[in-house]
Amino acid sequence: MTTPELPGEGSQQNSPYPPQQSFSAHPGHGTSTQTLPPETLKRKKQSNVVGLIALITAVLGFIFACIPGALIVGWILLPVAFILGLVSLFLKGKSKWMGITALILSIVGTIVGVVVFTTVVADSFEESFGSGDTKVVEPSENAVADNGEAEEGAADEAGTRANPYAIGSVIESDDWRIVVNSVALAATDQVVSANEFNEPPADGSEYMLVNYSATYLGDDPAGQIPAFVTVEYVTADGTTVNSFDKAVVPPEAIDTTGTLYTDGTTTGNAVFEVPSATAGQGVLAIRPGMLNDKVFVAVQ
């Protein structure tokens, strides 16, 4: 009979748990976290080259956007500054203030550029076509009403269809002076005989000749053509008649396509086909420039 051995000093027993090992702390291998000095972090946040470039670009773009002759340069630089400023905000550990400033400047500069561009365009239109103010000086014999007193409200109504200016009135804008020299009613025979291709007017109508002068008062060194000066006939029932409505050539036709320079004048006739029964009851509508006020002149 065998007696089981009891565990002794010489016996070995496997343990279900691994033996614990002790670790000694060694310098440089600890678990503690080492933090950088505040001076180092501050120095890294200040280094943002992209933000600096964005800021410089935005400043230059803003300056050029304020100069009418260099608007295009500003419009190129400002979008570039906006993109660079936006990119600089996503750079980790970098200073953000330059990128934010660049974004603000690029937006404000774009608004300023739009305002400057609008002003330049408006000034160009005004210089090319004149301002909206139309000044009229009537012949001296028509300037004073009966008994030497002007009727109340007559000045406000002058130049309307109901109270047109007299023939010979001087109509001026900043760039043009228009004077209706004469109006010839019942000028059918004169017009038809002026050119072999001129056809007679329609039944119940007649030709009317309007002689007027157009003088260029502007200072454009390239000159201007009086094509934007309009002279129309308005019938008694309110219908507008243009000189080009009927393909006829008037005698001594006015030249509206030749270039005029400062103080240059062109004079000639324009022909209108008007109703015979009410020809003298209509008025002339004259506009001394595309953007100028329209005034009315009597035909007799």
Protein backbone atom coordinates (compact mmCIF):
# COMPACT_ATOMS: atom_id res chain seq x y z
CA MET A 1 0.00 0.00 0.00
CA THR A 2 1.42 3.26 -1.15
CA THR A 3 1.08 6.33 0.96
CA PRO A 4 0.45 9.61 -1.06
CA GLU A 5 3.09 12.13 -0.80
CA LEU A 6 2.28 15.29 0.96
CA PRO A 7 3.51 18.51 -0.60
CA GLY A 8 6.80 19.36 0.88
CA GLU A 9 9.69 21.58 0.40
CA GLY A 10 11.03 19.62 -2.53
CA SER A 11 7.77 19.33 -4.39
CA GLN A 12 6.58 21.77 -7.12
CA GLN A 13 2.97 22.86 -7.60
CA ASN A 14 1.64 24.69 -10.64
CA SER A 15 -0.33 27.80 -9.70
CA PRO A 16 -3.25 28.92 -11.86
CA TYR A 17 -2.05 32.54 -11.54
CA PRO A 18 1.22 33.79 -12.93
CA PRO A 19 3.69 34.89 -10.39
CA GLN A 20 3.68 38.56 -9.66
CA GLN A 21 6.74 40.47 -10.67
CA SER A 22 7.88 43.54 -8.93
CA PHE A 23 9.09 46.49 -10.94
CA SER A 24 11.49 48.91 -9.66
CA ALA A 25 11.21 52.50 -10.64
CA HIS A 26 14.04 53.62 -12.82
CA PRO A 27 14.80 57.20 -13.76
CA GLY A 28 13.30 58.17 -17.13
CA HIS A 29 10.81 55.21 -17.24
CA GLY A 30 8.09 56.44 -14.94
CA THR A 31 4.42 56.84 -15.88
CA SER A 32 4.23 60.53 -15.07
CA THR A 33 3.32 63.01 -17.94
CA GLN A 34 5.86 65.62 -18.79
CA THR A 35 4.29 69.07 -19.70
CA LEU A 36 5.89 71.66 -21.93
CA PRO A 37 6.72 75.02 -20.44
CA PRO A 38 4.12 77.77 -21.17
CA GLU A 39 6.74 79.74 -23.06
CA THR A 40 7.05 76.92 -25.63
CA LEU A 41 3.28 76.71 -26.26
CA LYS A 42 2.99 80.44 -26.65
CA ARG A 43 5.85 80.52 -29.12
CA LYS A 44 4.23 77.81 -31.29
CA LYS A 45 0.82 79.58 -31.43
CA GLN A 46 2.41 82.77 -32.76
CA SER A 47 3.90 81.02 -35.78
CA ASN A 48 1.13 81.22 -38.43
CA VAL A 49 2.66 82.03 -41.79
CA VAL A 50 -0.57 81.40 -43.73
CA GLY A 51 -2.48 83.86 -41.54
CA LEU A 52 0.23 86.48 -42.01
CA ILE A 53 0.11 86.10 -45.81
CA ALA A 54 -3.70 86.29 -45.73
CA LEU A 55 -3.58 89.49 -43.69
CA ILE A 56 -1.07 91.19 -45.99
CA THR A 57 -3.07 90.16 -49.06
CA ALA A 58 -6.31 91.45 -47.51
CA VAL A 59 -4.75 94.84 -46.69
CA LEU A 60 -3.42 95.24 -50.24
CA GLY A 61 -6.74 94.11 -51.72
CA PHE A 62 -8.65 96.60 -49.56
CA ILE A 63 -6.39 99.45 -50.68
CA PHE A 64 -6.73 98.61 -54.38
CA ALA A 65 -10.52 98.19 -54.01
CA CYS A 66 -10.73 101.86 -52.99
CA ILE A 67 -8.91 103.06 -56.14
CA PRO A 68 -11.23 103.32 -59.20
CA GLY A 69 -8.43 102.63 -61.65
CA ALA A 70 -7.18 99.55 -59.79
CA LEU A 71 -10.44 97.82 -58.88
CA ILE A 72 -9.56 94.68 -60.80
CA VAL A 73 -6.43 94.16 -58.67
CA GLY A 74 -8.46 94.44 -55.50
CA TRP A 75 -11.05 91.96 -56.76
CA ILE A 76 -8.26 89.44 -57.41
CA LEU A 77 -6.50 89.86 -54.06
CA LEU A 78 -9.57 89.93 -51.80
CA PRO A 79 -10.89 86.43 -52.69
CA VAL A 80 -7.36 85.05 -52.30
CA ALA A 81 -7.10 86.67 -48.85
CA PHE A 82 -10.47 85.24 -47.85
CA ILE A 83 -9.44 81.69 -48.80
CA LEU A 84 -6.05 81.94 -47.09
CA GLY A 85 -7.63 83.42 -43.97
CA LEU A 86 -10.13 80.58 -43.85
CA VAL A 87 -7.38 77.99 -44.22
CA SER A 88 -5.32 79.58 -41.45
CA LEU A 89 -8.15 79.08 -38.96
CA PHE A 90 -7.93 75.29 -39.33
CA LEU A 91 -4.23 75.06 -38.57
CA LYS A 92 -3.83 73.50 -35.13
CA GLY A 93 -1.67 75.22 -32.58
CA LYS A 94 -1.47 78.36 -34.67
CA SER A 95 -2.49 81.90 -33.85
CA LYS A 96 -5.95 82.75 -35.21
CA TRP A 97 -6.20 86.53 -34.98
CA MET A 98 -4.45 87.26 -38.29
CA GLY A 99 -6.74 84.89 -40.17
CA ILE A 100 -9.85 86.39 -38.59
CA THR A 101 -8.66 89.91 -39.42
CA ALA A 102 -7.95 88.85 -43.01
CA LEU A 103 -11.49 87.47 -43.35
CA ILE A 104 -13.05 90.68 -42.05
CA LEU A 105 -10.91 92.87 -44.30
CA SER A 106 -11.66 90.76 -47.38
CA ILE A 107 -15.41 90.98 -46.79
CA VAL A 108 -15.42 94.71 -46.04
CA GLY A 109 -13.05 95.34 -48.96
CA THR A 110 -15.39 93.53 -51.34
CA ILE A 111 -18.32 95.70 -50.22
CA VAL A 112 -16.23 98.84 -50.66
CA GLY A 113 -15.16 97.66 -54.12
CA VAL A 114 -18.78 97.19 -55.18
CA VAL A 115 -19.67 100.69 -53.97
CA VAL A 116 -16.71 102.22 -55.82
CA PHE A 117 -17.55 100.29 -59.00
CA THR A 118 -21.19 101.41 -58.86
CA THR A 119 -20.12 105.02 -58.41
CA VAL A 120 -17.71 104.83 -61.34
CA VAL A 121 -20.38 103.32 -63.63
CA ALA A 122 -22.92 105.96 -62.59
CA ASP A 123 -20.44 108.75 -63.26
CA SER A 124 -19.60 107.25 -66.65
CA PHE A 125 -23.26 107.12 -67.67
CA GLU A 126 -23.81 110.67 -66.52
CA GLU A 127 -20.73 111.85 -68.41
CA SER A 128 -21.73 109.99 -71.59
CA PHE A 129 -25.42 110.78 -71.72
CA GLY A 130 -25.74 113.85 -69.52
CA SER A 131 -27.54 114.40 -66.25
CA GLY A 132 -31.29 114.25 -65.86
CA ASP A 133 -31.68 118.04 -65.63
CA THR A 134 -32.98 119.82 -68.71
CA LYS A 135 -32.80 123.61 -68.85
CA VAL A 136 -34.93 125.65 -71.22
CA VAL A 137 -34.71 129.31 -72.17
CA GLU A 138 -37.66 130.60 -74.18
CA PRO A 139 -37.48 133.48 -76.65
CA SER A 140 -37.71 136.83 -74.88
CA GLU A 141 -41.14 137.71 -76.30
CA ASN A 142 -42.58 134.60 -74.61
CA ALA A 143 -40.84 134.97 -71.27
CA VAL A 144 -43.30 137.44 -69.74
CA ALA A 145 -47.04 136.92 -69.45
CA ASP A 146 -49.71 139.54 -70.09
CA ASN A 147 -49.46 142.79 -68.06
CA GLY A 148 -45.85 141.88 -67.23
CA GLU A 149 -46.89 139.32 -64.61
CA ALA A 150 -46.41 135.57 -64.86
CA GLU A 151 -49.48 133.54 -64.05
CA GLU A 152 -49.29 131.52 -60.84
CA GLY A 153 -48.20 127.93 -61.55
CA ALA A 154 -47.27 128.67 -65.17
CA ALA A 155 -43.57 128.00 -64.54
CA ASP A 156 -44.31 124.54 -63.19
CA GLU A 157 -46.50 123.66 -66.16
CA ALA A 158 -44.17 125.04 -68.84
CA GLY A 159 -42.81 122.41 -71.19
CA THR A 160 -45.73 120.00 -70.83
CA ARG A 161 -48.02 118.88 -73.64
CA ALA A 162 -50.70 121.21 -72.33
CA ASN A 163 -48.29 124.16 -72.14
CA PRO A 164 -45.42 123.55 -74.58
CA TYR A 165 -42.45 125.83 -75.08
CA ALA A 166 -42.37 128.10 -78.12
CA ILE A 167 -40.45 127.45 -81.30
CA GLY A 168 -36.93 128.87 -80.93
CA SER A 169 -36.57 127.89 -77.27
CA VAL A 170 -33.08 126.82 -76.25
CA ILE A 171 -33.16 123.35 -74.66
CA GLU A 172 -29.96 122.35 -72.88
CA SER A 173 -28.45 119.51 -70.89
CA ASP A 174 -24.88 119.19 -69.67
CA ASP A 175 -23.81 117.82 -73.04
CA TRP A 176 -26.30 119.07 -75.65
CA ARG A 177 -28.13 122.17 -76.79
CA ILE A 178 -31.20 121.72 -79.01
CA VAL A 179 -33.03 124.53 -80.80
CA VAL A 180 -36.10 124.05 -83.01
CA ASN A 181 -35.58 126.65 -85.72
CA SER A 182 -38.78 126.18 -87.69
CA VAL A 183 -41.70 123.83 -88.34
CA ALA A 184 -43.26 123.54 -91.82
CA LEU A 185 -46.74 122.00 -91.88
CA ALA A 186 -48.23 120.69 -95.16
CA ALA A 187 -44.74 120.05 -96.58
CA THR A 188 -45.80 117.02 -98.64
CA ASP A 189 -44.83 118.44 -102.04
CA GLN A 190 -41.45 119.60 -100.74
CA VAL A 191 -40.65 116.19 -99.28
CA VAL A 192 -41.86 114.11 -102.24
CA SER A 193 -39.85 116.18 -104.69
CA ALA A 194 -36.68 115.95 -102.56
CA ASN A 195 -35.99 112.33 -103.59
CA GLU A 196 -37.34 110.17 -106.38
CA PHE A 197 -37.82 107.26 -103.98
CA ASN A 198 -39.92 109.24 -101.50
CA GLU A 199 -43.51 107.96 -101.49
CA PRO A 200 -46.55 110.15 -100.81
CA PRO A 201 -48.04 109.99 -97.31
CA ALA A 202 -50.98 107.75 -96.49
CA ASP A 203 -54.50 109.00 -97.04
CA GLY A 204 -55.47 111.55 -94.41
CA SER A 205 -51.83 112.29 -93.58
CA GLU A 206 -49.25 114.82 -94.66
CA TYR A 207 -45.55 115.39 -94.26
CA MET A 208 -44.23 117.90 -91.73
CA LEU A 209 -40.67 119.24 -91.75
CA VAL A 210 -38.90 120.15 -88.52
CA ASN A 211 -35.66 122.10 -88.80
CA TYR A 212 -33.51 121.97 -85.66
CA SER A 213 -29.91 122.36 -84.51
CA ALA A 214 -27.94 120.13 -82.14
CA THR A 215 -24.78 121.48 -80.48
CA TYR A 216 -22.37 119.35 -78.46
CA LEU A 217 -21.44 121.06 -75.18
CA GLY A 218 -19.45 118.22 -73.58
CA ASP A 219 -15.69 117.84 -73.35
CA ASP A 220 -15.18 114.26 -74.50
CA PRO A 221 -11.92 114.33 -76.51
CA ALA A 222 -13.31 111.58 -78.75
CA GLY A 223 -16.48 113.59 -79.43
CA GLN A 224 -20.10 112.41 -79.41
CA ILE A 225 -22.79 111.76 -81.99
CA PRO A 226 -26.28 113.30 -81.62
CA ALA A 227 -27.97 109.92 -82.05
CA PHE A 228 -29.16 109.96 -78.42
CA VAL A 229 -30.80 113.35 -78.90
CA THR A 230 -34.42 112.57 -79.75
CA VAL A 231 -37.02 114.73 -81.52
CA GLU A 232 -40.49 113.17 -81.81
CA TYR A 233 -43.95 114.34 -82.79
CA VAL A 234 -46.87 113.64 -80.46
CA THR A 235 -50.33 113.79 -82.05
CA ALA A 236 -53.34 115.44 -80.44
CA ASP A 237 -54.61 112.03 -79.31
CA GLY A 238 -51.26 111.13 -77.66
CA THR A 239 -49.63 108.94 -80.32
CA THR A 240 -45.88 109.27 -80.85
CA VAL A 241 -44.55 109.61 -84.40
CA ASN A 242 -40.83 109.18 -85.16
CA SER A 243 -38.94 110.50 -88.15
CA PHE A 244 -37.86 106.95 -89.05
CA ASP A 245 -41.40 105.57 -89.12
CA LYS A 246 -41.61 106.39 -92.83
CA ALA A 247 -38.70 105.62 -95.16
CA VAL A 248 -38.41 109.05 -96.75
CA VAL A 249 -35.44 111.35 -97.18
CA PRO A 250 -36.13 114.97 -96.20
CA PRO A 251 -34.53 117.87 -98.05
CA GLU A 252 -31.35 119.01 -96.28
CA ALA A 253 -31.61 116.17 -93.78
CA ILE A 254 -29.92 116.61 -90.41
CA ASP A 255 -26.85 114.42 -89.83
CA THR A 256 -27.29 112.46 -86.58
CA THR A 257 -24.41 110.01 -87.14
CA GLY A 258 -21.49 112.39 -87.60
CA THR A 259 -19.20 112.97 -84.61
CA LEU A 260 -19.37 116.41 -83.01
CA TYR A 261 -16.70 117.89 -80.77
CA THR A 262 -17.05 120.66 -78.19
CA ASP A 263 -19.24 123.49 -79.57
CA GLY A 264 -19.75 121.59 -82.82
CA THR A 265 -23.23 122.01 -84.36
CA THR A 266 -25.30 120.14 -86.91
CA THR A 267 -28.45 121.63 -88.46
CA GLY A 268 -31.00 120.09 -90.77
CA ASN A 269 -34.51 118.78 -91.31
CA ALA A 270 -36.41 115.78 -89.97
CA VAL A 271 -39.63 114.65 -91.62
CA PHE A 272 -42.76 113.30 -89.88
CA GLU A 273 -45.93 111.80 -91.33
CA VAL A 274 -48.73 113.41 -89.30
CA PRO A 275 -52.56 113.47 -89.46
CA SER A 276 -53.66 116.30 -91.74
CA ALA A 277 -56.73 117.24 -89.72
CA THR A 278 -54.87 117.80 -86.45
CA ALA A 279 -51.29 118.41 -87.58
CA GLY A 280 -51.09 121.82 -85.89
CA GLN A 281 -52.54 120.51 -82.63
CA GLY A 282 -49.66 118.16 -81.91
CA VAL A 283 -46.39 118.99 -80.15
CA LEU A 284 -42.74 118.07 -80.46
CA ALA A 285 -41.20 115.92 -77.70
CA ILE A 286 -37.51 116.68 -77.28
CA ARG A 287 -34.98 114.92 -75.07
CA PRO A 288 -31.42 116.40 -75.11
CA GLY A 289 -29.72 113.14 -74.09
CA MET A 290 -30.70 109.60 -73.20
CA LEU A 291 -31.07 110.22 -69.45
CA ASN A 292 -32.41 113.75 -69.63
CA ASP A 293 -35.92 114.99 -68.98
CA LYS A 294 -38.26 115.26 -71.93
CA VAL A 295 -39.82 118.63 -72.74
CA PHE A 296 -42.47 119.63 -75.29
CA VAL A 297 -42.35 122.35 -77.96
CA ALA A 298 -45.27 123.72 -79.96
CA VAL A 299 -45.34 123.26 -83.74
CA GLN A 300 -46.87 126.68 -84.49
